[in-house]
Amino acid sequence: MRLVAIGLAAGVFSAFFGVGGGILAVPLLILLAHMPERAASATSLLAIAITAAAGVIAFSLRGHVEVEYAALVGLPAAVGALAGTTLQQRVRTSTLTYGFAVLLTSVGVWLLVS
């Protein structure tokens, strides 16, 4: 049931704000589902593919998808995901956890002051 709730929350936030996979699902998978950090990241990436497909269908029906821009962002992002996965496997788990916490805090502060 926790995984279903995490998925529902990630889906709502990803469609509403354009975030949800890494920012919401990964911490919840770690904290509530007691999943190891690397497994949570990998699970979130697969889940976000499903979420993205559902979201793009819904937005497409309303004519809100810019395919060219999506390709310009998505293709380099795919390369970045491969590089990030390779790098993540070489970093200690505690370093990943602290780095992720710093990133989320920094983004939150940036949004509040800008």
PDB file of N, CA and C in Angstrom:
ATOM      1  N   MET A   1       0.821  -1.198   0.000  1.00  0.00           N
ATOM      2  CA  MET A   1       0.000   0.000   0.000  1.00  0.00           C
ATOM      3  C   MET A   1       0.867   1.265   0.000  1.00  0.00           C
ATOM      4  N   ARG A   2       2.005   1.214   0.698  1.00  0.00           N
ATOM      5  CA  ARG A   2       2.898   2.373   0.722  1.00  0.00           C
ATOM      6  C   ARG A   2       3.405   2.699  -0.681  1.00  0.00           C
ATOM      7  N   LEU A   3       3.751   1.669  -1.447  1.00  0.00           N
ATOM      8  CA  LEU A   3       4.260   1.901  -2.799  1.00  0.00           C
ATOM      9  C   LEU A   3       3.194   2.537  -3.684  1.00  0.00           C
ATOM     10  N   VAL A   4       1.957   2.124  -3.514  1.00  0.00           N
ATOM     11  CA  VAL A   4       0.865   2.706  -4.292  1.00  0.00           C
ATOM     12  C   VAL A   4       0.700   4.184  -3.921  1.00  0.00           C
ATOM     13  N   ALA A   5       0.764   4.496  -2.633  1.00  0.00           N
ATOM     14  CA  ALA A   5       0.638   5.888  -2.183  1.00  0.00           C
ATOM     15  C   ALA A   5       1.803   6.737  -2.697  1.00  0.00           C
ATOM     16  N   ILE A   6       3.002   6.184  -2.667  1.00  0.00           N
ATOM     17  CA  ILE A   6       4.172   6.896  -3.182  1.00  0.00           C
ATOM     18  C   ILE A   6       3.994   7.167  -4.677  1.00  0.00           C
ATOM     19  N   GLY A   7       3.552   6.163  -5.409  1.00  0.00           N
ATOM     20  CA  GLY A   7       3.324   6.322  -6.845  1.00  0.00           C
ATOM     21  C   GLY A   7       2.257   7.359  -7.142  1.00  0.00           C
ATOM     22  N   LEU A   8       1.185   7.342  -6.377  1.00  0.00           N
ATOM     23  CA  LEU A   8       0.115   8.322  -6.582  1.00  0.00           C
ATOM     24  C   LEU A   8       0.624   9.737  -6.311  1.00  0.00           C
ATOM     25  N   ALA A   9       1.344   9.913  -5.222  1.00  0.00           N
ATOM     26  CA  ALA A   9       1.893  11.234  -4.897  1.00  0.00           C
ATOM     27  C   ALA A   9       2.878  11.699  -5.968  1.00  0.00           C
ATOM     28  N   ALA A  10       3.755  10.818  -6.406  1.00  0.00           N
ATOM     29  CA  ALA A  10       4.737  11.174  -7.435  1.00  0.00           C
ATOM     30  C   ALA A  10       4.040  11.547  -8.736  1.00  0.00           C
ATOM     31  N   GLY A  11       2.998  10.828  -9.096  1.00  0.00           N
ATOM     32  CA  GLY A  11       2.263  11.130 -10.326  1.00  0.00           C
ATOM     33  C   GLY A  11       1.573  12.475 -10.266  1.00  0.00           C
ATOM     34  N   VAL A  12       0.925  12.767  -9.152  1.00  0.00           N
ATOM     35  CA  VAL A  12       0.240  14.054  -9.005  1.00  0.00           C
ATOM     36  C   VAL A  12       1.245  15.194  -9.057  1.00  0.00           C
ATOM     37  N   PHE A  13       2.333  15.078  -8.292  1.00  0.00           N
ATOM     38  CA  PHE A  13       3.325  16.146  -8.266  1.00  0.00           C
ATOM     39  C   PHE A  13       4.037  16.293  -9.605  1.00  0.00           C
ATOM     40  N   SER A  14       4.293  15.178 -10.292  1.00  0.00           N
ATOM     41  CA  SER A  14       4.990  15.286 -11.574  1.00  0.00           C
ATOM     42  C   SER A  14       4.120  15.977 -12.613  1.00  0.00           C
ATOM     43  N   ALA A  15       2.837  15.716 -12.605  1.00  0.00           N
ATOM     44  CA  ALA A  15       1.944  16.372 -13.563  1.00  0.00           C
ATOM     45  C   ALA A  15       1.677  17.818 -13.167  1.00  0.00           C
ATOM     46  N   PHE A  16       1.570  18.072 -11.876  1.00  0.00           N
ATOM     47  CA  PHE A  16       1.226  19.413 -11.399  1.00  0.00           C
ATOM     48  C   PHE A  16       2.400  20.377 -11.472  1.00  0.00           C
ATOM     49  N   PHE A  17       3.579  19.924 -11.041  1.00  0.00           N
ATOM     50  CA  PHE A  17       4.748  20.797 -10.974  1.00  0.00           C
ATOM     51  C   PHE A  17       5.875  20.415 -11.926  1.00  0.00           C
ATOM     52  N   GLY A  18       5.770  19.278 -12.589  1.00  0.00           N
ATOM     53  CA  GLY A  18       6.859  18.823 -13.448  1.00  0.00           C
ATOM     54  C   GLY A  18       7.956  18.137 -12.659  1.00  0.00           C
ATOM     55  N   VAL A  19       7.668  17.778 -11.426  1.00  0.00           N
ATOM     56  CA  VAL A  19       8.627  17.055 -10.583  1.00  0.00           C
ATOM     57  C   VAL A  19       7.898  15.896  -9.926  1.00  0.00           C
ATOM     58  N   GLY A  20       8.613  14.987  -9.373  1.00  0.00           N
ATOM     59  CA  GLY A  20       7.955  13.889  -8.678  1.00  0.00           C
ATOM     60  C   GLY A  20       8.832  12.663  -8.585  1.00  0.00           C
ATOM     61  N   GLY A  21       9.517  12.327  -9.681  1.00  0.00           N
ATOM     62  CA  GLY A  21      10.346  11.125  -9.672  1.00  0.00           C
ATOM     63  C   GLY A  21      11.452  11.194  -8.643  1.00  0.00           C
ATOM     64  N   GLY A  22      12.451  11.990  -8.905  1.00  0.00           N
ATOM     65  CA  GLY A  22      13.587  12.055  -7.996  1.00  0.00           C
ATOM     66  C   GLY A  22      13.335  12.870  -6.757  1.00  0.00           C
ATOM     67  N   ILE A  23      12.568  13.925  -6.882  1.00  0.00           N
ATOM     68  CA  ILE A  23      12.386  14.835  -5.761  1.00  0.00           C
ATOM     69  C   ILE A  23      11.419  14.285  -4.728  1.00  0.00           C
ATOM     70  N   LEU A  24      10.446  13.519  -5.136  1.00  0.00           N
ATOM     71  CA  LEU A  24       9.464  13.000  -4.197  1.00  0.00           C
ATOM     72  C   LEU A  24       9.554  11.495  -4.034  1.00  0.00           C
ATOM     73  N   ALA A  25       9.581  10.763  -5.131  1.00  0.00           N
ATOM     74  CA  ALA A  25       9.522   9.304  -5.046  1.00  0.00           C
ATOM     75  C   ALA A  25      10.756   8.707  -4.389  1.00  0.00           C
ATOM     76  N   VAL A  26      11.935   9.177  -4.749  1.00  0.00           N
ATOM     77  CA  VAL A  26      13.160   8.576  -4.192  1.00  0.00           C
ATOM     78  C   VAL A  26      13.211   8.718  -2.670  1.00  0.00           C
ATOM     79  N   PRO A  27      13.023   9.930  -2.115  1.00  0.00           N
ATOM     80  CA  PRO A  27      13.038  10.008  -0.649  1.00  0.00           C
ATOM     81  C   PRO A  27      11.950   9.162   0.010  1.00  0.00           C
ATOM     82  N   LEU A  28      10.754   9.133  -0.594  1.00  0.00           N
ATOM     83  CA  LEU A  28       9.679   8.332  -0.009  1.00  0.00           C
ATOM     84  C   LEU A  28       9.969   6.836  -0.105  1.00  0.00           C
ATOM     85  N   LEU A  29      10.552   6.399  -1.218  1.00  0.00           N
ATOM     86  CA  LEU A  29      10.918   4.980  -1.330  1.00  0.00           C
ATOM     87  C   LEU A  29      11.967   4.605  -0.280  1.00  0.00           C
ATOM     88  N   ILE A  30      12.889   5.510  -0.017  1.00  0.00           N
ATOM     89  CA  ILE A  30      13.925   5.249   0.985  1.00  0.00           C
ATOM     90  C   ILE A  30      13.320   5.260   2.395  1.00  0.00           C
ATOM     91  N   LEU A  31      12.526   6.288   2.690  1.00  0.00           N
ATOM     92  CA  LEU A  31      12.009   6.456   4.048  1.00  0.00           C
ATOM     93  C   LEU A  31      10.832   5.544   4.379  1.00  0.00           C
ATOM     94  N   LEU A  32       9.893   5.407   3.472  1.00  0.00           N
ATOM     95  CA  LEU A  32       8.676   4.657   3.773  1.00  0.00           C
ATOM     96  C   LEU A  32       8.717   3.196   3.335  1.00  0.00           C
ATOM     97  N   ALA A  33       9.382   2.933   2.208  1.00  0.00           N
ATOM     98  CA  ALA A  33       9.457   1.553   1.717  1.00  0.00           C
ATOM     99  C   ALA A  33      10.763   0.883   2.120  1.00  0.00           C
ATOM    100  N   HIS A  34      11.637   1.620   2.810  1.00  0.00           N
ATOM    101  CA  HIS A  34      12.921   1.105   3.299  1.00  0.00           C
ATOM    102  C   HIS A  34      13.756   0.487   2.179  1.00  0.00           C
ATOM    103  N   MET A  35      13.752   1.169   1.038  1.00  0.00           N
ATOM    104  CA  MET A  35      14.491   0.704  -0.128  1.00  0.00           C
ATOM    105  C   MET A  35      15.894   1.312  -0.094  1.00  0.00           C
ATOM    106  N   PRO A  36      16.918   0.558  -0.471  1.00  0.00           N
ATOM    107  CA  PRO A  36      18.260   1.148  -0.558  1.00  0.00           C
ATOM    108  C   PRO A  36      18.284   2.280  -1.593  1.00  0.00           C
ATOM    109  N   GLU A  37      19.198   3.240  -1.407  1.00  0.00           N
ATOM    110  CA  GLU A  37      19.239   4.429  -2.245  1.00  0.00           C
ATOM    111  C   GLU A  37      19.349   4.110  -3.728  1.00  0.00           C
ATOM    112  N   ARG A  38      20.245   3.220  -4.085  1.00  0.00           N
ATOM    113  CA  ARG A  38      20.425   2.908  -5.507  1.00  0.00           C
ATOM    114  C   ARG A  38      19.194   2.237  -6.097  1.00  0.00           C
ATOM    115  N   ALA A  39      18.591   1.339  -5.358  1.00  0.00           N
ATOM    116  CA  ALA A  39      17.372   0.678  -5.829  1.00  0.00           C
ATOM    117  C   ALA A  39      16.228   1.688  -5.949  1.00  0.00           C
ATOM    118  N   ALA A  40      16.156   2.634  -5.007  1.00  0.00           N
ATOM    119  CA  ALA A  40      15.111   3.661  -5.064  1.00  0.00           C
ATOM    120  C   ALA A  40      15.282   4.531  -6.303  1.00  0.00           C
ATOM    121  N   SER A  41      16.507   4.897  -6.612  1.00  0.00           N
ATOM    122  CA  SER A  41      16.760   5.710  -7.806  1.00  0.00           C
ATOM    123  C   SER A  41      16.374   4.953  -9.069  1.00  0.00           C
ATOM    124  N   ALA A  42      16.798   3.716  -9.165  1.00  0.00           N
ATOM    125  CA  ALA A  42      16.491   2.917 -10.354  1.00  0.00           C
ATOM    126  C   ALA A  42      14.991   2.669 -10.489  1.00  0.00           C
ATOM    127  N   THR A  43      14.338   2.362  -9.381  1.00  0.00           N
ATOM    128  CA  THR A  43      12.899   2.121  -9.392  1.00  0.00           C
ATOM    129  C   THR A  43      12.151   3.379  -9.810  1.00  0.00           C
ATOM    130  N   SER A  44      12.595   4.525  -9.295  1.00  0.00           N
ATOM    131  CA  SER A  44      11.971   5.792  -9.643  1.00  0.00           C
ATOM    132  C   SER A  44      12.113   6.096 -11.134  1.00  0.00           C
ATOM    133  N   LEU A  45      13.273   5.794 -11.708  1.00  0.00           N
ATOM    134  CA  LEU A  45      13.475   6.043 -13.137  1.00  0.00           C
ATOM    135  C   LEU A  45      12.507   5.230 -13.995  1.00  0.00           C
ATOM    136  N   LEU A  46      12.299   3.970 -13.636  1.00  0.00           N
ATOM    137  CA  LEU A  46      11.337   3.163 -14.396  1.00  0.00           C
ATOM    138  C   LEU A  46       9.913   3.662 -14.164  1.00  0.00           C
ATOM    139  N   ALA A  47       9.596   3.993 -12.925  1.00  0.00           N
ATOM    140  CA  ALA A  47       8.246   4.476 -12.622  1.00  0.00           C
ATOM    141  C   ALA A  47       7.960   5.787 -13.346  1.00  0.00           C
ATOM    142  N   ILE A  48       8.965   6.654 -13.452  1.00  0.00           N
ATOM    143  CA  ILE A  48       8.742   7.941 -14.099  1.00  0.00           C
ATOM    144  C   ILE A  48       8.514   7.766 -15.604  1.00  0.00           C
ATOM    145  N   ALA A  49       9.071   6.709 -16.186  1.00  0.00           N
ATOM    146  CA  ALA A  49       8.803   6.441 -17.604  1.00  0.00           C
ATOM    147  C   ALA A  49       7.315   6.149 -17.807  1.00  0.00           C
ATOM    148  N   ILE A  50       6.741   5.384 -16.902  1.00  0.00           N
ATOM    149  CA  ILE A  50       5.312   5.072 -16.977  1.00  0.00           C
ATOM    150  C   ILE A  50       4.493   6.335 -16.717  1.00  0.00           C
ATOM    151  N   THR A  51       4.896   7.086 -15.703  1.00  0.00           N
ATOM    152  CA  THR A  51       4.210   8.330 -15.359  1.00  0.00           C
ATOM    153  C   THR A  51       4.280   9.326 -16.519  1.00  0.00           C
ATOM    154  N   ALA A  52       5.447   9.452 -17.120  1.00  0.00           N
ATOM    155  CA  ALA A  52       5.635  10.389 -18.225  1.00  0.00           C
ATOM    156  C   ALA A  52       4.756  10.003 -19.414  1.00  0.00           C
ATOM    157  N   ALA A  53       4.658   8.730 -19.696  1.00  0.00           N
ATOM    158  CA  ALA A  53       3.817   8.293 -20.811  1.00  0.00           C
ATOM    159  C   ALA A  53       2.356   8.674 -20.568  1.00  0.00           C
ATOM    160  N   ALA A  54       1.879   8.448 -19.361  1.00  0.00           N
ATOM    161  CA  ALA A  54       0.493   8.816 -19.042  1.00  0.00           C
ATOM    162  C   ALA A  54       0.294  10.323 -19.123  1.00  0.00           C
ATOM    163  N   GLY A  55       1.248  11.076 -18.583  1.00  0.00           N
ATOM    164  CA  GLY A  55       1.141  12.533 -18.598  1.00  0.00           C
ATOM    165  C   GLY A  55       1.188  13.109 -19.995  1.00  0.00           C
ATOM    166  N   VAL A  56       2.083  12.596 -20.825  1.00  0.00           N
ATOM    167  CA  VAL A  56       2.200  13.150 -22.184  1.00  0.00           C
ATOM    168  C   VAL A  56       0.951  12.847 -23.003  1.00  0.00           C
ATOM    169  N   ILE A  57       0.332  11.724 -22.760  1.00  0.00           N
ATOM    170  CA  ILE A  57      -0.928  11.425 -23.461  1.00  0.00           C
ATOM    171  C   ILE A  57      -1.997  12.432 -23.052  1.00  0.00           C
ATOM    172  N   ALA A  58      -2.111  12.676 -21.744  1.00  0.00           N
ATOM    173  CA  ALA A  58      -3.125  13.613 -21.259  1.00  0.00           C
ATOM    174  C   ALA A  58      -2.875  15.028 -21.781  1.00  0.00           C
ATOM    175  N   PHE A  59      -1.614  15.477 -21.730  1.00  0.00           N
ATOM    176  CA  PHE A  59      -1.292  16.820 -22.227  1.00  0.00           C
ATOM    177  C   PHE A  59      -1.437  16.896 -23.752  1.00  0.00           C
ATOM    178  N   SER A  60      -1.126  15.817 -24.471  1.00  0.00           N
ATOM    179  CA  SER A  60      -1.254  15.795 -25.930  1.00  0.00           C
ATOM    180  C   SER A  60      -2.703  15.984 -26.360  1.00  0.00           C
ATOM    181  N   LEU A  61      -3.607  15.380 -25.624  1.00  0.00           N
ATOM    182  CA  LEU A  61      -5.025  15.516 -25.952  1.00  0.00           C
ATOM    183  C   LEU A  61      -5.491  16.969 -25.873  1.00  0.00           C
ATOM    184  N   ARG A  62      -4.773  17.776 -25.122  1.00  0.00           N
ATOM    185  CA  ARG A  62      -5.105  19.196 -24.986  1.00  0.00           C
ATOM    186  C   ARG A  62      -4.196  20.083 -25.845  1.00  0.00           C
ATOM    187  N   GLY A  63      -3.312  19.466 -26.618  1.00  0.00           N
ATOM    188  CA  GLY A  63      -2.440  20.209 -27.511  1.00  0.00           C
ATOM    189  C   GLY A  63      -1.308  20.960 -26.832  1.00  0.00           C
ATOM    190  N   HIS A  64      -0.854  20.471 -25.688  1.00  0.00           N
ATOM    191  CA  HIS A  64       0.158  21.188 -24.910  1.00  0.00           C
ATOM    192  C   HIS A  64       1.555  20.580 -24.997  1.00  0.00           C
ATOM    193  N   VAL A  65       1.816  19.722 -25.934  1.00  0.00           N
ATOM    194  CA  VAL A  65       3.135  19.077 -26.015  1.00  0.00           C
ATOM    195  C   VAL A  65       3.946  19.717 -27.141  1.00  0.00           C
ATOM    196  N   GLU A  66       5.144  20.148 -26.830  1.00  0.00           N
ATOM    197  CA  GLU A  66       6.092  20.701 -27.794  1.00  0.00           C
ATOM    198  C   GLU A  66       7.135  19.622 -28.090  1.00  0.00           C
ATOM    199  N   VAL A  67       6.885  18.813 -29.111  1.00  0.00           N
ATOM    200  CA  VAL A  67       7.718  17.651 -29.403  1.00  0.00           C
ATOM    201  C   VAL A  67       9.168  18.039 -29.661  1.00  0.00           C
ATOM    202  N   GLU A  68       9.370  19.120 -30.404  1.00  0.00           N
ATOM    203  CA  GLU A  68      10.746  19.534 -30.713  1.00  0.00           C
ATOM    204  C   GLU A  68      11.515  19.885 -29.447  1.00  0.00           C
ATOM    205  N   TYR A  69      10.884  20.636 -28.563  1.00  0.00           N
ATOM    206  CA  TYR A  69      11.540  21.008 -27.311  1.00  0.00           C
ATOM    207  C   TYR A  69      11.777  19.785 -26.437  1.00  0.00           C
ATOM    208  N   ALA A  70      10.812  18.882 -26.432  1.00  0.00           N
ATOM    209  CA  ALA A  70      10.972  17.661 -25.644  1.00  0.00           C
ATOM    210  C   ALA A  70      12.182  16.861 -26.120  1.00  0.00           C
ATOM    211  N   ALA A  71      12.363  16.794 -27.425  1.00  0.00           N
ATOM    212  CA  ALA A  71      13.523  16.080 -27.973  1.00  0.00           C
ATOM    213  C   ALA A  71      14.824  16.794 -27.627  1.00  0.00           C
ATOM    214  N   LEU A  72      14.809  18.134 -27.692  1.00  0.00           N
ATOM    215  CA  LEU A  72      16.013  18.901 -27.369  1.00  0.00           C
ATOM    216  C   LEU A  72      16.407  18.767 -25.902  1.00  0.00           C
ATOM    217  N   VAL A  73      15.433  18.542 -25.039  1.00  0.00           N
ATOM    218  CA  VAL A  73      15.717  18.330 -23.619  1.00  0.00           C
ATOM    219  C   VAL A  73      15.921  16.842 -23.332  1.00  0.00           C
ATOM    220  N   GLY A  74      15.083  16.012 -23.903  1.00  0.00           N
ATOM    221  CA  GLY A  74      15.066  14.595 -23.567  1.00  0.00           C
ATOM    222  C   GLY A  74      16.260  13.789 -24.043  1.00  0.00           C
ATOM    223  N   LEU A  75      16.720  14.047 -25.259  1.00  0.00           N
ATOM    224  CA  LEU A  75      17.851  13.259 -25.768  1.00  0.00           C
ATOM    225  C   LEU A  75      19.132  13.509 -24.971  1.00  0.00           C
ATOM    226  N   PRO A  76      19.496  14.767 -24.727  1.00  0.00           N
ATOM    227  CA  PRO A  76      20.665  14.984 -23.865  1.00  0.00           C
ATOM    228  C   PRO A  76      20.435  14.472 -22.426  1.00  0.00           C
ATOM    229  N   ALA A  77      19.194  14.556 -21.957  1.00  0.00           N
ATOM    230  CA  ALA A  77      18.896  14.043 -20.619  1.00  0.00           C
ATOM    231  C   ALA A  77      19.129  12.534 -20.546  1.00  0.00           C
ATOM    232  N   ALA A  78      18.826  11.824 -21.627  1.00  0.00           N
ATOM    233  CA  ALA A  78      19.070  10.380 -21.657  1.00  0.00           C
ATOM    234  C   ALA A  78      20.564  10.080 -21.565  1.00  0.00           C
ATOM    235  N   VAL A  79      21.359  10.853 -22.277  1.00  0.00           N
ATOM    236  CA  VAL A  79      22.819  10.695 -22.190  1.00  0.00           C
ATOM    237  C   VAL A  79      23.288  11.012 -20.776  1.00  0.00           C
ATOM    238  N   GLY A  80      22.734  12.093 -20.195  1.00  0.00           N
ATOM    239  CA  GLY A  80      23.071  12.460 -18.825  1.00  0.00           C
ATOM    240  C   GLY A  80      22.678  11.380 -17.825  1.00  0.00           C
ATOM    241  N   ALA A  81      21.545  10.721 -18.065  1.00  0.00           N
ATOM    242  CA  ALA A  81      21.109   9.647 -17.171  1.00  0.00           C
ATOM    243  C   ALA A  81      22.082   8.469 -17.203  1.00  0.00           C
ATOM    244  N   LEU A  82      22.580   8.165 -18.389  1.00  0.00           N
ATOM    245  CA  LEU A  82      23.577   7.089 -18.483  1.00  0.00           C
ATOM    246  C   LEU A  82      24.861   7.473 -17.754  1.00  0.00           C
ATOM    247  N   ALA A  83      25.295   8.706 -17.937  1.00  0.00           N
ATOM    248  CA  ALA A  83      26.501   9.180 -17.251  1.00  0.00           C
ATOM    249  C   ALA A  83      26.279   9.230 -15.744  1.00  0.00           C
ATOM    250  N   GLY A  84      25.113   9.719 -15.331  1.00  0.00           N
ATOM    251  CA  GLY A  84      24.798   9.796 -13.912  1.00  0.00           C
ATOM    252  C   GLY A  84      24.730   8.434 -13.252  1.00  0.00           C
ATOM    253  N   THR A  85      24.180   7.456 -13.958  1.00  0.00           N
ATOM    254  CA  THR A  85      24.113   6.094 -13.423  1.00  0.00           C
ATOM    255  C   THR A  85      25.515   5.529 -13.226  1.00  0.00           C
ATOM    256  N   THR A  86      26.373   5.746 -14.196  1.00  0.00           N
ATOM    257  CA  THR A  86      27.754   5.275 -14.089  1.00  0.00           C
ATOM    258  C   THR A  86      28.458   5.929 -12.909  1.00  0.00           C
ATOM    259  N   LEU A  87      28.283   7.226 -12.774  1.00  0.00           N
ATOM    260  CA  LEU A  87      28.910   7.956 -11.672  1.00  0.00           C
ATOM    261  C   LEU A  87      28.328   7.535 -10.325  1.00  0.00           C
ATOM    262  N   GLN A  88      27.019   7.366 -10.267  1.00  0.00           N
ATOM    263  CA  GLN A  88      26.365   7.003  -9.006  1.00  0.00           C
ATOM    264  C   GLN A  88      26.886   5.684  -8.448  1.00  0.00           C
ATOM    265  N   GLN A  89      27.234   4.767  -9.323  1.00  0.00           N
ATOM    266  CA  GLN A  89      27.720   3.459  -8.879  1.00  0.00           C
ATOM    267  C   GLN A  89      29.099   3.548  -8.223  1.00  0.00           C
ATOM    268  N   ARG A  90      29.778   4.664  -8.414  1.00  0.00           N
ATOM    269  CA  ARG A  90      31.135   4.834  -7.882  1.00  0.00           C
ATOM    270  C   ARG A  90      31.184   5.690  -6.627  1.00  0.00           C
ATOM    271  N   VAL A  91      30.041   6.235  -6.214  1.00  0.00           N
ATOM    272  CA  VAL A  91      29.986   7.130  -5.064  1.00  0.00           C
ATOM    273  C   VAL A  91      29.403   6.373  -3.870  1.00  0.00           C
ATOM    274  N   ARG A  92      29.959   6.636  -2.694  1.00  0.00           N
ATOM    275  CA  ARG A  92      29.448   5.987  -1.476  1.00  0.00           C
ATOM    276  C   ARG A  92      28.000   6.378  -1.239  1.00  0.00           C
ATOM    277  N   THR A  93      27.230   5.465  -0.654  1.00  0.00           N
ATOM    278  CA  THR A  93      25.815   5.689  -0.402  1.00  0.00           C
ATOM    279  C   THR A  93      25.592   6.897   0.496  1.00  0.00           C
ATOM    280  N   SER A  94      26.393   7.051   1.531  1.00  0.00           N
ATOM    281  CA  SER A  94      26.216   8.196   2.433  1.00  0.00           C
ATOM    282  C   SER A  94      26.464   9.511   1.701  1.00  0.00           C
ATOM    283  N   THR A  95      27.419   9.533   0.800  1.00  0.00           N
ATOM    284  CA  THR A  95      27.685  10.736   0.010  1.00  0.00           C
ATOM    285  C   THR A  95      26.492  11.059  -0.879  1.00  0.00           C
ATOM    286  N   LEU A  96      25.878  10.038  -1.470  1.00  0.00           N
ATOM    287  CA  LEU A  96      24.678  10.245  -2.284  1.00  0.00           C
ATOM    288  C   LEU A  96      23.550  10.847  -1.456  1.00  0.00           C
ATOM    289  N   THR A  97      23.354  10.297  -0.270  1.00  0.00           N
ATOM    290  CA  THR A  97      22.270  10.764   0.593  1.00  0.00           C
ATOM    291  C   THR A  97      22.467  12.225   0.975  1.00  0.00           C
ATOM    292  N   TYR A  98      23.658  12.575   1.425  1.00  0.00           N
ATOM    293  CA  TYR A  98      23.925  13.961   1.822  1.00  0.00           C
ATOM    294  C   TYR A  98      23.873  14.900   0.617  1.00  0.00           C
ATOM    295  N   GLY A  99      24.418  14.471  -0.492  1.00  0.00           N
ATOM    296  CA  GLY A  99      24.389  15.297  -1.692  1.00  0.00           C
ATOM    297  C   GLY A  99      22.973  15.565  -2.158  1.00  0.00           C
ATOM    298  N   PHE A 100      22.134  14.561  -2.105  1.00  0.00           N
ATOM    299  CA  PHE A 100      20.740  14.706  -2.510  1.00  0.00           C
ATOM    300  C   PHE A 100      20.013  15.664  -1.575  1.00  0.00           C
ATOM    301  N   ALA A 101      20.270  15.540  -0.282  1.00  0.00           N
ATOM    302  CA  ALA A 101      19.646  16.440   0.693  1.00  0.00           C
ATOM    303  C   ALA A 101      20.074  17.887   0.446  1.00  0.00           C
ATOM    304  N   VAL A 102      21.349  18.098   0.168  1.00  0.00           N
ATOM    305  CA  VAL A 102      21.844  19.450  -0.122  1.00  0.00           C
ATOM    306  C   VAL A 102      21.195  19.988  -1.397  1.00  0.00           C
ATOM    307  N   LEU A 103      21.086  19.163  -2.415  1.00  0.00           N
ATOM    308  CA  LEU A 103      20.454  19.591  -3.664  1.00  0.00           C
ATOM    309  C   LEU A 103      19.007  20.013  -3.436  1.00  0.00           C
ATOM    310  N   LEU A 104      18.226  19.185  -2.744  1.00  0.00           N
ATOM    311  CA  LEU A 104      16.824  19.511  -2.510  1.00  0.00           C
ATOM    312  C   LEU A 104      16.677  20.786  -1.686  1.00  0.00           C
ATOM    313  N   THR A 105      17.516  20.929  -0.676  1.00  0.00           N
ATOM    314  CA  THR A 105      17.472  22.134   0.152  1.00  0.00           C
ATOM    315  C   THR A 105      17.834  23.358  -0.668  1.00  0.00           C
ATOM    316  N   SER A 106      18.866  23.257  -1.480  1.00  0.00           N
ATOM    317  CA  SER A 106      19.304  24.381  -2.302  1.00  0.00           C
ATOM    318  C   SER A 106      18.220  24.814  -3.295  1.00  0.00           C
ATOM    319  N   VAL A 107      17.597  23.853  -3.936  1.00  0.00           N
ATOM    320  CA  VAL A 107      16.525  24.176  -4.886  1.00  0.00           C
ATOM    321  C   VAL A 107      15.364  24.840  -4.157  1.00  0.00           C
ATOM    322  N   GLY A 108      15.012  24.322  -2.993  1.00  0.00           N
ATOM    323  CA  GLY A 108      13.920  24.921  -2.212  1.00  0.00           C
ATOM    324  C   GLY A 108      14.211  26.361  -1.834  1.00  0.00           C
ATOM    325  N   VAL A 109      15.418  26.625  -1.359  1.00  0.00           N
ATOM    326  CA  VAL A 109      15.797  27.988  -0.986  1.00  0.00           C
ATOM    327  C   VAL A 109      15.801  28.886  -2.218  1.00  0.00           C
ATOM    328  N   TRP A 110      16.334  28.407  -3.307  1.00  0.00           N
ATOM    329  CA  TRP A 110      16.379  29.177  -4.555  1.00  0.00           C
ATOM    330  C   TRP A 110      14.983  29.563  -5.003  1.00  0.00           C
ATOM    331  N   LEU A 111      14.038  28.620  -4.948  1.00  0.00           N
ATOM    332  CA  LEU A 111      12.665  28.914  -5.340  1.00  0.00           C
ATOM    333  C   LEU A 111      12.035  29.950  -4.423  1.00  0.00           C
ATOM    334  N   LEU A 112      12.345  29.887  -3.148  1.00  0.00           N
ATOM    335  CA  LEU A 112      11.763  30.845  -2.205  1.00  0.00           C
ATOM    336  C   LEU A 112      12.287  32.266  -2.384  1.00  0.00           C
ATOM    337  N   VAL A 113      13.549  32.412  -2.738  1.00  0.00           N
ATOM    338  CA  VAL A 113      14.127  33.751  -2.848  1.00  0.00           C
ATOM    339  C   VAL A 113      14.019  34.341  -4.254  1.00  0.00           C
ATOM    340  N   SER A 114      13.714  33.534  -5.246  1.00  0.00           N
ATOM    341  CA  SER A 114      13.653  34.083  -6.603  1.00  0.00           C
ATOM    342  C   SER A 114      12.246  34.512  -6.988  1.00  0.00           C
TER     343      SER A 114
END
